C-alpha atoms as a PDB file:
ATOM      1  CA  UNK A   1     -17.248  67.816  13.510  1.00  0.00           C
ATOM      2  CA  UNK A   2     -14.040  69.822  13.167  1.00  0.00           C
ATOM      3  CA  UNK A   3     -14.213  73.489  12.280  1.00  0.00           C
ATOM      4  CA  UNK A   4     -11.589  76.027  11.366  1.00  0.00           C
ATOM      5  CA  UNK A   5     -11.796  79.414  13.060  1.00  0.00           C
ATOM      6  CA  UNK A   6      -9.740  82.142  11.402  1.00  0.00           C
ATOM      7  CA  UNK A   7      -9.981  85.900  11.655  1.00  0.00           C
ATOM      8  CA  UNK A   8      -8.385  88.742   9.724  1.00  0.00           C
ATOM      9  CA  UNK A   9      -7.791  92.364  10.655  1.00  0.00           C
ATOM     10  CA  UNK A  10      -7.559  95.205   8.181  1.00  0.00           C
ATOM     11  CA  UNK A  11      -4.063  96.757   8.272  1.00  0.00           C
ATOM     12  CA  UNK A  12      -4.103  99.560   5.666  1.00  0.00           C
ATOM     13  CA  UNK A  13      -5.168 100.142   2.079  1.00  0.00           C
ATOM     14  CA  UNK A  14      -6.441  96.633   1.161  1.00  0.00           C
ATOM     15  CA  UNK A  15      -3.948  94.629   3.271  1.00  0.00           C
ATOM     16  CA  UNK A  16      -5.204  92.225   5.945  1.00  0.00           C
ATOM     17  CA  UNK A  17      -3.437  90.106   8.555  1.00  0.00           C
ATOM     18  CA  UNK A  18      -5.033  86.671   8.856  1.00  0.00           C
ATOM     19  CA  UNK A  19      -4.543  84.790  12.129  1.00  0.00           C
ATOM     20  CA  UNK A  20      -4.146  81.077  11.601  1.00  0.00           C
ATOM     21  CA  UNK A  21      -3.378  79.220  14.828  1.00  0.00           C
ATOM     22  CA  UNK A  22      -0.213  80.902  16.138  1.00  0.00           C
ATOM     23  CA  UNK A  23       0.681  82.333  12.722  1.00  0.00           C
ATOM     24  CA  UNK A  24       0.003  85.721  11.212  1.00  0.00           C
ATOM     25  CA  UNK A  25      -0.164  85.842   7.422  1.00  0.00           C
ATOM     26  CA  UNK A  26      -0.294  89.179   5.614  1.00  0.00           C
ATOM     27  CA  UNK A  27      -2.356  89.235   2.425  1.00  0.00           C
ATOM     28  CA  UNK A  28      -2.384  92.158   0.043  1.00  0.00           C
ATOM     29  CA  UNK A  29      -2.314  92.909  -3.654  1.00  0.00           C
ATOM     30  CA  UNK A  30       0.010  94.658  -6.039  1.00  0.00           C
ATOM     31  CA  UNK A  31      -2.997  96.297  -7.674  1.00  0.00           C
ATOM     32  CA  UNK A  32      -3.428 100.079  -7.570  1.00  0.00           C
ATOM     33  CA  UNK A  33      -5.192  99.787  -4.196  1.00  0.00           C
ATOM     34  CA  UNK A  34      -2.553  97.555  -2.592  1.00  0.00           C
ATOM     35  CA  UNK A  35       1.100  97.941  -1.731  1.00  0.00           C
ATOM     36  CA  UNK A  36       2.155  94.298  -2.253  1.00  0.00           C
ATOM     37  CA  UNK A  37       3.024  93.686   1.411  1.00  0.00           C
ATOM     38  CA  UNK A  38       1.913  90.049   1.127  1.00  0.00           C
ATOM     39  CA  UNK A  39       0.577  87.493  -1.349  1.00  0.00           C
ATOM     40  CA  UNK A  40      -2.915  87.827  -2.785  1.00  0.00           C
ATOM     41  CA  UNK A  41      -5.680  85.465  -1.609  1.00  0.00           C
ATOM     42  CA  UNK A  42      -5.791  83.545  -4.927  1.00  0.00           C
ATOM     43  CA  UNK A  43      -2.019  83.049  -4.841  1.00  0.00           C
ATOM     44  CA  UNK A  44      -2.366  81.818  -1.241  1.00  0.00           C
ATOM     45  CA  UNK A  45      -5.039  79.377  -2.401  1.00  0.00           C
ATOM     46  CA  UNK A  46      -2.720  77.987  -5.101  1.00  0.00           C
ATOM     47  CA  UNK A  47       0.119  77.806  -2.560  1.00  0.00           C
ATOM     48  CA  UNK A  48      -2.206  75.966  -0.147  1.00  0.00           C
ATOM     49  CA  UNK A  49      -2.981  73.406  -2.840  1.00  0.00           C
ATOM     50  CA  UNK A  50       0.705  72.928  -3.676  1.00  0.00           C
ATOM     51  CA  UNK A  51       1.746  72.512  -0.044  1.00  0.00           C
ATOM     52  CA  UNK A  52      -1.246  70.293   0.844  1.00  0.00           C
ATOM     53  CA  UNK A  53      -0.537  67.783  -1.909  1.00  0.00           C
ATOM     54  CA  UNK A  54       3.216  68.059  -1.306  1.00  0.00           C
ATOM     55  CA  UNK A  55       2.770  67.152   2.372  1.00  0.00           C
ATOM     56  CA  UNK A  56       0.646  64.141   1.410  1.00  0.00           C
ATOM     57  CA  UNK A  57       3.117  62.880  -1.177  1.00  0.00           C
ATOM     58  CA  UNK A  58       6.164  63.282   1.086  1.00  0.00           C
ATOM     59  CA  UNK A  59       4.382  61.494   3.929  1.00  0.00           C
ATOM     60  CA  UNK A  60       3.329  58.634   1.640  1.00  0.00           C
ATOM     61  CA  UNK A  61       6.777  58.343   0.025  1.00  0.00           C
ATOM     62  CA  UNK A  62       8.374  58.116   3.457  1.00  0.00           C
ATOM     63  CA  UNK A  63       5.964  55.321   4.429  1.00  0.00           C
ATOM     64  CA  UNK A  64       6.757  53.551   1.140  1.00  0.00           C
ATOM     65  CA  UNK A  65      10.480  53.928   1.904  1.00  0.00           C
ATOM     66  CA  UNK A  66      11.169  55.848  -1.300  1.00  0.00           C
ATOM     67  CA  UNK A  67      14.583  57.502  -0.989  1.00  0.00           C
ATOM     68  CA  UNK A  68      14.671  60.984  -2.511  1.00  0.00           C
ATOM     69  CA  UNK A  69      17.044  63.911  -2.150  1.00  0.00           C
ATOM     70  CA  UNK A  70      14.866  66.650  -3.663  1.00  0.00           C
ATOM     71  CA  UNK A  71      11.125  67.142  -3.977  1.00  0.00           C
ATOM     72  CA  UNK A  72       9.285  70.123  -5.397  1.00  0.00           C
ATOM     73  CA  UNK A  73       5.738  70.902  -6.480  1.00  0.00           C
ATOM     74  CA  UNK A  74       5.076  73.727  -8.939  1.00  0.00           C
ATOM     75  CA  UNK A  75       1.657  75.053  -9.906  1.00  0.00           C
ATOM     76  CA  UNK A  76       0.217  77.201 -12.677  1.00  0.00           C
ATOM     77  CA  UNK A  77      -3.370  78.473 -12.637  1.00  0.00           C
ATOM     78  CA  UNK A  78      -4.579  80.673 -15.521  1.00  0.00           C
ATOM     79  CA  UNK A  79      -7.126  83.238 -14.335  1.00  0.00           C
ATOM     80  CA  UNK A  80     -10.375  84.017 -16.158  1.00  0.00           C
ATOM     81  CA  UNK A  81     -10.604  87.422 -17.866  1.00  0.00           C
ATOM     82  CA  UNK A  82     -14.071  88.285 -16.540  1.00  0.00           C
ATOM     83  CA  UNK A  83     -15.238  88.870 -12.975  1.00  0.00           C
ATOM     84  CA  UNK A  84     -15.360  86.969 -10.781  1.00  0.00           C
ATOM     85  CA  UNK A  85     -11.772  86.151 -11.755  1.00  0.00           C
ATOM     86  CA  UNK A  86     -11.252  82.500 -10.892  1.00  0.00           C
ATOM     87  CA  UNK A  87      -8.877  79.698 -11.800  1.00  0.00           C
ATOM     88  CA  UNK A  88      -9.633  78.301 -15.272  1.00  0.00           C
ATOM     89  CA  UNK A  89      -7.594  75.203 -14.429  1.00  0.00           C
ATOM     90  CA  UNK A  90      -4.621  74.147 -12.344  1.00  0.00           C
ATOM     91  CA  UNK A  91      -1.531  72.360 -13.646  1.00  0.00           C
ATOM     92  CA  UNK A  92       0.732  70.798 -11.024  1.00  0.00           C
ATOM     93  CA  UNK A  93       4.237  69.558 -11.674  1.00  0.00           C
ATOM     94  CA  UNK A  94       5.823  67.192  -9.171  1.00  0.00           C
ATOM     95  CA  UNK A  95       9.611  67.107  -9.464  1.00  0.00           C
ATOM     96  CA  UNK A  96      11.523  64.463  -7.558  1.00  0.00           C
ATOM     97  CA  UNK A  97      15.201  63.574  -7.560  1.00  0.00           C
ATOM     98  CA  UNK A  98      17.074  60.676  -6.099  1.00  0.00           C
ATOM     99  CA  UNK A  99      19.491  57.944  -7.063  1.00  0.00           C
ATOM    100  CA  UNK A 100      16.811  55.266  -7.680  1.00  0.00           C
ATOM    101  CA  UNK A 101      13.271  56.655  -7.791  1.00  0.00           C
ATOM    102  CA  UNK A 102      10.513  54.052  -8.126  1.00  0.00           C
ATOM    103  CA  UNK A 103       8.083  55.731 -10.586  1.00  0.00           C
ATOM    104  CA  UNK A 104       5.224  53.396  -9.647  1.00  0.00           C
ATOM    105  CA  UNK A 105       5.412  54.342  -5.961  1.00  0.00           C
ATOM    106  CA  UNK A 106       5.619  58.066  -6.704  1.00  0.00           C
ATOM    107  CA  UNK A 107       2.624  57.867  -9.057  1.00  0.00           C
ATOM    108  CA  UNK A 108       0.683  55.947  -6.406  1.00  0.00           C
ATOM    109  CA  UNK A 109       1.487  58.596  -3.778  1.00  0.00           C
ATOM    110  CA  UNK A 110       0.418  61.432  -6.108  1.00  0.00           C
ATOM    111  CA  UNK A 111      -2.805  59.652  -7.064  1.00  0.00           C
ATOM    112  CA  UNK A 112      -3.647  58.980  -3.403  1.00  0.00           C
ATOM    113  CA  UNK A 113      -3.058  62.644  -2.617  1.00  0.00           C
ATOM    114  CA  UNK A 114      -5.165  63.849  -5.549  1.00  0.00           C
ATOM    115  CA  UNK A 115      -8.020  61.370  -5.113  1.00  0.00           C
ATOM    116  CA  UNK A 116      -8.218  60.807  -1.363  1.00  0.00           C
ATOM    117  CA  UNK A 117      -6.088  62.921   0.974  1.00  0.00           C
ATOM    118  CA  UNK A 118      -5.610  66.481  -0.319  1.00  0.00           C
ATOM    119  CA  UNK A 119      -8.792  68.266   0.700  1.00  0.00           C
ATOM    120  CA  UNK A 120      -7.670  71.480  -0.982  1.00  0.00           C
ATOM    121  CA  UNK A 121      -7.258  69.720  -4.332  1.00  0.00           C
ATOM    122  CA  UNK A 122     -10.566  67.909  -3.981  1.00  0.00           C
ATOM    123  CA  UNK A 123     -12.361  71.212  -3.219  1.00  0.00           C
ATOM    124  CA  UNK A 124     -10.723  73.027  -6.151  1.00  0.00           C
ATOM    125  CA  UNK A 125     -11.559  70.126  -8.515  1.00  0.00           C
ATOM    126  CA  UNK A 126     -15.241  70.843  -7.883  1.00  0.00           C
ATOM    127  CA  UNK A 127     -14.735  74.186  -9.631  1.00  0.00           C
ATOM    128  CA  UNK A 128     -11.995  73.605 -12.221  1.00  0.00           C
ATOM    129  CA  UNK A 129      -9.805  70.803 -13.563  1.00  0.00           C
ATOM    130  CA  UNK A 130      -6.577  69.935 -11.753  1.00  0.00           C
ATOM    131  CA  UNK A 131      -4.009  68.043 -13.812  1.00  0.00           C
ATOM    132  CA  UNK A 132      -0.534  66.902 -12.889  1.00  0.00           C
ATOM    133  CA  UNK A 133       2.719  65.738 -14.374  1.00  0.00           C
ATOM    134  CA  UNK A 134       5.686  63.969 -12.832  1.00  0.00           C
ATOM    135  CA  UNK A 135       9.307  64.694 -13.593  1.00  0.00           C
ATOM    136  CA  UNK A 136      11.993  62.367 -12.253  1.00  0.00           C
ATOM    137  CA  UNK A 137      15.554  63.634 -12.097  1.00  0.00           C
ATOM    138  CA  UNK A 138      18.862  62.292 -10.963  1.00  0.00           C
ATOM    139  CA  UNK A 139      20.288  64.404  -8.118  1.00  0.00           C
ATOM    140  CA  UNK A 140      21.646  67.663  -9.535  1.00  0.00           C
ATOM    141  CA  UNK A 141      20.225  66.969 -13.009  1.00  0.00           C
ATOM    142  CA  UNK A 142      18.350  69.937 -14.550  1.00  0.00           C
ATOM    143  CA  UNK A 143      15.542  67.985 -16.286  1.00  0.00           C
ATOM    144  CA  UNK A 144      14.445  64.379 -16.343  1.00  0.00           C
ATOM    145  CA  UNK A 145      11.849  61.934 -17.571  1.00  0.00           C
ATOM    146  CA  UNK A 146       8.244  63.274 -17.633  1.00  0.00           C
ATOM    147  CA  UNK A 147       4.755  61.870 -17.337  1.00  0.00           C
ATOM    148  CA  UNK A 148       1.576  63.942 -17.750  1.00  0.00           C
ATOM    149  CA  UNK A 149      -1.754  63.142 -16.088  1.00  0.00           C
END
């Protein structure tokens, strides 16, 4: 069974440096105790979700031979008012641009990521809903056709 081994050292105030493989990631907070020298842990969690699903979708689109010139994933996660402050939900927006995007293939790639491959999304879904929408644009176009899931 695979395991992840990560450590973190206190730096100052409430900042920590986490050691992930050969990478050092500073995490902090902009709160009164922190000095905002790095992203907060919850923001890192949302970023991990966005990048995890993005990696899946790009890999699947490449295998499906979908030609795209731009790809972006955006995420919004409202936080509960009471402690422990957690995500109430997560809304993901996949934005893809290219001359001839096959919507069916992109939807299939997103669904495979959300239902089978993205472990971060699957873990978060056990605690709060994760919804997504797809926006297809022509290259350089500001907004395009949308689909909400």
